[in-house]
Amino acid sequence: MFSRRKTATRLALAALALAAAHGAWAQETKMNLFKVVTVKDEIVIGLSETELKVLGGTDAGAVAHALTQKGDITVWQYNVKRGANGEMLQAPTAKIGLIANTSLRVEPYATPYAIIPHD
């Protein structure tokens, strides 16, 4: 026979485990946005913590350095879109290639919108 106390305890533990798992997933998929500025235009790109570590750092300088050293890198371009509930989201829209250029600048980009991680 189930008691209310045991059931409530089990539900609380299940909710806690779910919240911890979601927190771990959110940490793993945390996206860092950067604005890439050239002579012609500017775009926003998103890189995960893992992608940044592969590039050799966690800031805009690491992205610029990797681009200069490699000559080109592939990244996800981000734009503002409406979500299913009408909320504004910063979402990946296209996988693009960046080519090193002497007039290039990479800087951190802040957004007031929720950021959707790319695949």
N, C-alpha and C. Protein backbone atom coordinates (compact mmCIF):
# COMPACT_ATOMS: atom_id res chain seq x y z
N MET A 1 0.84 -1.17 0.00
CA MET A 1 0.00 0.00 0.00
C MET A 1 0.89 1.25 0.00
N PHE A 2 0.54 2.22 -0.80
CA PHE A 2 1.31 3.45 -0.91
C PHE A 2 0.80 4.49 0.08
N SER A 3 1.70 5.12 0.74
CA SER A 3 1.30 6.22 1.61
C SER A 3 1.49 7.52 0.85
N ARG A 4 0.77 8.54 1.26
CA ARG A 4 0.89 9.84 0.61
C ARG A 4 2.29 10.41 0.78
N ARG A 5 2.86 10.19 1.94
CA ARG A 5 4.19 10.73 2.22
C ARG A 5 5.23 10.10 1.30
N LYS A 6 5.18 8.77 1.12
CA LYS A 6 6.14 8.08 0.24
C LYS A 6 5.95 8.53 -1.21
N THR A 7 4.70 8.67 -1.62
CA THR A 7 4.42 9.11 -2.98
C THR A 7 4.93 10.53 -3.20
N ALA A 8 4.69 11.41 -2.25
CA ALA A 8 5.15 12.80 -2.37
C ALA A 8 6.68 12.85 -2.39
N THR A 9 7.31 12.02 -1.57
CA THR A 9 8.78 11.97 -1.54
C THR A 9 9.33 11.49 -2.87
N ARG A 10 8.74 10.45 -3.41
CA ARG A 10 9.18 9.92 -4.72
C ARG A 10 9.00 10.95 -5.83
N LEU A 11 7.88 11.63 -5.81
CA LEU A 11 7.64 12.67 -6.82
C LEU A 11 8.65 13.81 -6.68
N ALA A 12 8.94 14.20 -5.45
CA ALA A 12 9.91 15.27 -5.24
C ALA A 12 11.30 14.85 -5.71
N LEU A 13 11.70 13.60 -5.42
CA LEU A 13 13.00 13.10 -5.87
C LEU A 13 13.06 13.02 -7.40
N ALA A 14 11.96 12.58 -8.02
CA ALA A 14 11.92 12.50 -9.47
C ALA A 14 12.04 13.89 -10.09
N ALA A 15 11.34 14.86 -9.50
CA ALA A 15 11.41 16.24 -10.01
C ALA A 15 12.82 16.81 -9.85
N LEU A 16 13.44 16.52 -8.71
CA LEU A 16 14.80 16.98 -8.47
C LEU A 16 15.78 16.36 -9.47
N ALA A 17 15.63 15.06 -9.73
CA ALA A 17 16.51 14.39 -10.70
C ALA A 17 16.30 14.96 -12.10
N LEU A 18 15.06 15.24 -12.45
CA LEU A 18 14.77 15.82 -13.76
C LEU A 18 15.36 17.21 -13.88
N ALA A 19 15.24 18.01 -12.82
CA ALA A 19 15.81 19.36 -12.84
C ALA A 19 17.33 19.31 -12.94
N ALA A 20 17.95 18.38 -12.24
CA ALA A 20 19.41 18.25 -12.31
C ALA A 20 19.85 17.82 -13.70
N ALA A 21 19.11 16.89 -14.31
CA ALA A 21 19.45 16.44 -15.66
C ALA A 21 19.28 17.58 -16.65
N HIS A 22 18.21 18.36 -16.51
CA HIS A 22 18.00 19.50 -17.41
C HIS A 22 19.09 20.54 -17.22
N GLY A 23 19.50 20.77 -15.97
CA GLY A 23 20.58 21.72 -15.71
C GLY A 23 21.88 21.27 -16.33
N ALA A 24 22.17 19.98 -16.27
CA ALA A 24 23.38 19.45 -16.88
C ALA A 24 23.30 19.58 -18.40
N TRP A 25 22.13 19.31 -18.98
CA TRP A 25 21.97 19.45 -20.43
C TRP A 25 22.15 20.90 -20.83
N ALA A 26 21.55 21.81 -20.09
CA ALA A 26 21.68 23.23 -20.41
C ALA A 26 23.13 23.68 -20.32
N GLN A 27 23.87 23.16 -19.35
CA GLN A 27 25.28 23.52 -19.21
C GLN A 27 26.08 23.01 -20.40
N GLU A 28 25.77 21.77 -20.84
CA GLU A 28 26.50 21.17 -21.96
C GLU A 28 26.23 21.92 -23.26
N THR A 29 25.03 22.45 -23.41
CA THR A 29 24.65 23.08 -24.67
C THR A 29 24.65 24.61 -24.58
N LYS A 30 25.32 25.17 -23.60
CA LYS A 30 25.39 26.63 -23.48
C LYS A 30 26.05 27.19 -24.74
N MET A 31 25.39 28.15 -25.34
CA MET A 31 25.89 28.75 -26.56
C MET A 31 26.51 30.11 -26.25
N ASN A 32 27.60 30.39 -26.94
CA ASN A 32 28.25 31.70 -26.85
C ASN A 32 28.08 32.36 -28.21
N LEU A 33 27.54 33.57 -28.19
CA LEU A 33 27.32 34.30 -29.45
C LEU A 33 28.42 35.32 -29.67
N PHE A 34 28.80 35.48 -30.94
CA PHE A 34 29.81 36.45 -31.34
C PHE A 34 29.32 37.18 -32.58
N LYS A 35 29.64 38.47 -32.65
CA LYS A 35 29.37 39.24 -33.85
C LYS A 35 30.65 39.28 -34.66
N VAL A 36 30.55 38.90 -35.93
CA VAL A 36 31.69 38.93 -36.85
C VAL A 36 31.47 40.11 -37.79
N VAL A 37 32.41 41.05 -37.77
CA VAL A 37 32.28 42.29 -38.55
C VAL A 37 33.33 42.29 -39.65
N THR A 38 32.88 42.54 -40.88
CA THR A 38 33.79 42.70 -42.02
C THR A 38 33.52 44.06 -42.64
N VAL A 39 34.22 44.36 -43.71
CA VAL A 39 34.01 45.62 -44.41
C VAL A 39 32.59 45.67 -44.98
N LYS A 40 32.07 44.53 -45.45
CA LYS A 40 30.77 44.50 -46.10
C LYS A 40 29.59 44.41 -45.14
N ASP A 41 29.68 43.56 -44.13
CA ASP A 41 28.52 43.33 -43.28
C ASP A 41 28.93 42.79 -41.91
N GLU A 42 27.94 42.42 -41.13
CA GLU A 42 28.20 41.78 -39.86
C GLU A 42 27.17 40.69 -39.65
N ILE A 43 27.60 39.59 -39.03
CA ILE A 43 26.70 38.48 -38.74
C ILE A 43 26.93 38.03 -37.30
N VAL A 44 25.95 37.29 -36.77
CA VAL A 44 26.07 36.72 -35.44
C VAL A 44 26.27 35.22 -35.61
N ILE A 45 27.26 34.67 -34.90
CA ILE A 45 27.52 33.24 -34.94
C ILE A 45 27.42 32.68 -33.51
N GLY A 46 27.15 31.39 -33.41
CA GLY A 46 27.07 30.73 -32.11
C GLY A 46 28.00 29.55 -32.04
N LEU A 47 28.72 29.45 -30.93
CA LEU A 47 29.63 28.33 -30.70
C LEU A 47 29.38 27.77 -29.30
N SER A 48 29.38 26.46 -29.19
CA SER A 48 29.22 25.82 -27.89
C SER A 48 30.54 25.88 -27.13
N GLU A 49 30.49 25.57 -25.85
CA GLU A 49 31.70 25.52 -25.04
C GLU A 49 32.71 24.53 -25.62
N THR A 50 32.22 23.40 -26.08
CA THR A 50 33.08 22.37 -26.66
C THR A 50 33.76 22.88 -27.92
N GLU A 51 33.00 23.54 -28.79
CA GLU A 51 33.56 24.09 -30.02
C GLU A 51 34.62 25.14 -29.71
N LEU A 52 34.36 25.96 -28.72
CA LEU A 52 35.34 26.99 -28.34
C LEU A 52 36.63 26.36 -27.83
N LYS A 53 36.51 25.32 -27.03
CA LYS A 53 37.71 24.65 -26.51
C LYS A 53 38.53 24.04 -27.64
N VAL A 54 37.86 23.50 -28.66
CA VAL A 54 38.56 22.96 -29.83
C VAL A 54 39.31 24.07 -30.56
N LEU A 55 38.72 25.26 -30.59
CA LEU A 55 39.38 26.40 -31.24
C LEU A 55 40.53 26.95 -30.40
N GLY A 56 40.57 26.60 -29.11
CA GLY A 56 41.70 27.00 -28.29
C GLY A 56 41.42 28.07 -27.26
N GLY A 57 40.17 28.31 -26.93
CA GLY A 57 39.85 29.32 -25.92
C GLY A 57 38.37 29.45 -25.72
N THR A 58 37.97 30.47 -24.98
CA THR A 58 36.55 30.64 -24.70
C THR A 58 36.06 32.06 -24.97
N ASP A 59 36.85 32.84 -25.69
CA ASP A 59 36.45 34.22 -25.93
C ASP A 59 36.58 34.58 -27.41
N ALA A 60 36.24 35.83 -27.74
CA ALA A 60 36.29 36.31 -29.12
C ALA A 60 37.71 36.24 -29.68
N GLY A 61 38.70 36.48 -28.84
CA GLY A 61 40.09 36.41 -29.28
C GLY A 61 40.46 35.02 -29.78
N ALA A 62 39.94 34.00 -29.11
CA ALA A 62 40.22 32.62 -29.54
C ALA A 62 39.60 32.34 -30.91
N VAL A 63 38.39 32.87 -31.13
CA VAL A 63 37.73 32.68 -32.43
C VAL A 63 38.53 33.38 -33.53
N ALA A 64 38.91 34.62 -33.28
CA ALA A 64 39.69 35.38 -34.27
C ALA A 64 41.04 34.71 -34.53
N HIS A 65 41.70 34.25 -33.48
CA HIS A 65 43.01 33.59 -33.63
C HIS A 65 42.87 32.30 -34.45
N ALA A 66 41.85 31.49 -34.14
CA ALA A 66 41.64 30.24 -34.87
C ALA A 66 41.35 30.52 -36.34
N LEU A 67 40.56 31.53 -36.61
CA LEU A 67 40.24 31.90 -37.98
C LEU A 67 41.50 32.34 -38.73
N THR A 68 42.33 33.12 -38.08
CA THR A 68 43.58 33.58 -38.69
C THR A 68 44.53 32.41 -38.95
N GLN A 69 44.65 31.52 -37.98
CA GLN A 69 45.56 30.38 -38.10
C GLN A 69 45.10 29.37 -39.14
N LYS A 70 43.79 29.07 -39.16
CA LYS A 70 43.26 28.05 -40.07
C LYS A 70 42.91 28.61 -41.44
N GLY A 71 42.63 29.90 -41.51
CA GLY A 71 42.24 30.50 -42.79
C GLY A 71 40.74 30.49 -43.01
N ASP A 72 40.06 29.47 -42.48
CA ASP A 72 38.60 29.41 -42.55
C ASP A 72 38.08 28.46 -41.47
N ILE A 73 36.87 28.72 -41.02
CA ILE A 73 36.20 27.83 -40.06
C ILE A 73 34.72 27.75 -40.43
N THR A 74 34.09 26.66 -40.04
CA THR A 74 32.66 26.47 -40.27
C THR A 74 31.93 26.70 -38.96
N VAL A 75 30.88 27.52 -38.99
CA VAL A 75 30.12 27.89 -37.80
C VAL A 75 28.64 27.97 -38.13
N TRP A 76 27.82 28.10 -37.12
CA TRP A 76 26.39 28.33 -37.31
C TRP A 76 26.09 29.81 -37.20
N GLN A 77 25.37 30.33 -38.19
CA GLN A 77 24.90 31.72 -38.15
C GLN A 77 23.60 31.75 -37.35
N TYR A 78 23.44 32.77 -36.51
CA TYR A 78 22.25 32.93 -35.67
C TYR A 78 21.49 34.18 -36.05
N ASN A 79 20.16 34.08 -36.00
CA ASN A 79 19.27 35.22 -36.24
C ASN A 79 18.10 35.15 -35.27
N VAL A 80 17.38 36.23 -35.13
CA VAL A 80 16.21 36.26 -34.26
C VAL A 80 15.02 35.69 -35.02
N LYS A 81 14.30 34.77 -34.35
CA LYS A 81 13.10 34.15 -34.92
C LYS A 81 12.02 34.09 -33.85
N ARG A 82 10.80 33.85 -34.27
CA ARG A 82 9.70 33.65 -33.33
C ARG A 82 9.59 32.15 -33.01
N GLY A 83 9.40 31.85 -31.72
CA GLY A 83 9.21 30.48 -31.29
C GLY A 83 7.77 30.05 -31.48
N ALA A 84 7.47 28.83 -31.06
CA ALA A 84 6.13 28.27 -31.21
C ALA A 84 5.07 29.08 -30.46
N ASN A 85 5.44 29.67 -29.34
CA ASN A 85 4.50 30.47 -28.55
C ASN A 85 4.55 31.95 -28.89
N GLY A 86 5.26 32.31 -29.95
CA GLY A 86 5.36 33.71 -30.35
C GLY A 86 6.51 34.45 -29.69
N GLU A 87 7.25 33.78 -28.79
CA GLU A 87 8.36 34.44 -28.12
C GLU A 87 9.53 34.58 -29.09
N MET A 88 10.32 35.61 -28.89
CA MET A 88 11.48 35.84 -29.73
C MET A 88 12.65 34.98 -29.24
N LEU A 89 13.33 34.34 -30.17
CA LEU A 89 14.45 33.46 -29.85
C LEU A 89 15.63 33.77 -30.75
N GLN A 90 16.82 33.56 -30.25
CA GLN A 90 18.03 33.65 -31.06
C GLN A 90 18.29 32.21 -31.52
N ALA A 91 18.14 31.95 -32.82
CA ALA A 91 18.17 30.58 -33.31
C ALA A 91 19.17 30.40 -34.45
N PRO A 92 19.73 29.18 -34.56
CA PRO A 92 20.63 28.91 -35.69
C PRO A 92 19.83 28.88 -36.99
N THR A 93 20.36 29.52 -38.03
CA THR A 93 19.64 29.57 -39.30
C THR A 93 20.39 28.93 -40.46
N ALA A 94 21.72 28.92 -40.39
CA ALA A 94 22.49 28.33 -41.49
C ALA A 94 23.90 28.00 -41.02
N LYS A 95 24.43 26.91 -41.52
CA LYS A 95 25.83 26.57 -41.26
C LYS A 95 26.63 27.25 -42.36
N ILE A 96 27.59 28.10 -41.96
CA ILE A 96 28.32 28.90 -42.93
C ILE A 96 29.82 28.73 -42.75
N GLY A 97 30.57 29.13 -43.74
CA GLY A 97 32.02 29.15 -43.65
C GLY A 97 32.51 30.57 -43.54
N LEU A 98 33.42 30.81 -42.59
CA LEU A 98 34.05 32.12 -42.45
C LEU A 98 35.46 32.03 -43.03
N ILE A 99 35.83 33.02 -43.81
CA ILE A 99 37.16 33.07 -44.42
C ILE A 99 37.91 34.23 -43.78
N ALA A 100 39.16 33.97 -43.42
CA ALA A 100 39.98 35.01 -42.77
C ALA A 100 40.14 36.20 -43.71
N ASN A 101 40.11 37.38 -43.12
CA ASN A 101 40.24 38.62 -43.87
C ASN A 101 40.90 39.63 -42.94
N THR A 102 41.76 40.46 -43.47
CA THR A 102 42.47 41.41 -42.61
C THR A 102 41.55 42.45 -41.97
N SER A 103 40.38 42.68 -42.54
CA SER A 103 39.47 43.68 -41.96
C SER A 103 38.40 43.04 -41.08
N LEU A 104 38.65 41.85 -40.59
CA LEU A 104 37.69 41.12 -39.79
C LEU A 104 37.81 41.46 -38.31
N ARG A 105 36.68 41.55 -37.64
CA ARG A 105 36.67 41.74 -36.19
C ARG A 105 35.66 40.77 -35.60
N VAL A 106 36.02 40.12 -34.49
CA VAL A 106 35.12 39.23 -33.78
C VAL A 106 34.94 39.78 -32.38
N GLU A 107 33.67 39.93 -31.95
CA GLU A 107 33.41 40.47 -30.62
C GLU A 107 32.26 39.71 -29.98
N PRO A 108 32.22 39.67 -28.65
CA PRO A 108 31.10 39.00 -27.97
C PRO A 108 29.79 39.67 -28.35
N TYR A 109 28.72 38.89 -28.35
CA TYR A 109 27.41 39.42 -28.71
C TYR A 109 26.42 39.05 -27.62
N ALA A 110 25.73 40.03 -27.07
CA ALA A 110 24.72 39.79 -26.04
C ALA A 110 23.34 39.92 -26.66
N THR A 111 22.43 39.07 -26.23
CA THR A 111 21.06 39.12 -26.74
C THR A 111 20.08 39.01 -25.57
N PRO A 112 18.95 39.70 -25.66
CA PRO A 112 17.95 39.57 -24.60
C PRO A 112 17.08 38.33 -24.77
N TYR A 113 17.25 37.61 -25.87
CA TYR A 113 16.41 36.46 -26.19
C TYR A 113 17.04 35.14 -25.74
N ALA A 114 16.20 34.15 -25.56
CA ALA A 114 16.69 32.81 -25.27
C ALA A 114 17.46 32.30 -26.48
N ILE A 115 18.55 31.57 -26.24
CA ILE A 115 19.38 31.08 -27.34
C ILE A 115 19.13 29.60 -27.52
N ILE A 116 18.81 29.21 -28.74
CA ILE A 116 18.60 27.80 -29.06
C ILE A 116 19.93 27.20 -29.51
N PRO A 117 20.36 26.09 -28.92
CA PRO A 117 21.62 25.47 -29.35
C PRO A 117 21.48 24.84 -30.73
N HIS A 118 22.57 24.80 -31.48
CA HIS A 118 22.56 24.14 -32.78
C HIS A 118 22.90 22.67 -32.62
N ASP A 119 22.73 21.92 -33.71
CA ASP A 119 23.00 20.48 -33.67
C ASP A 119 24.46 20.17 -33.58
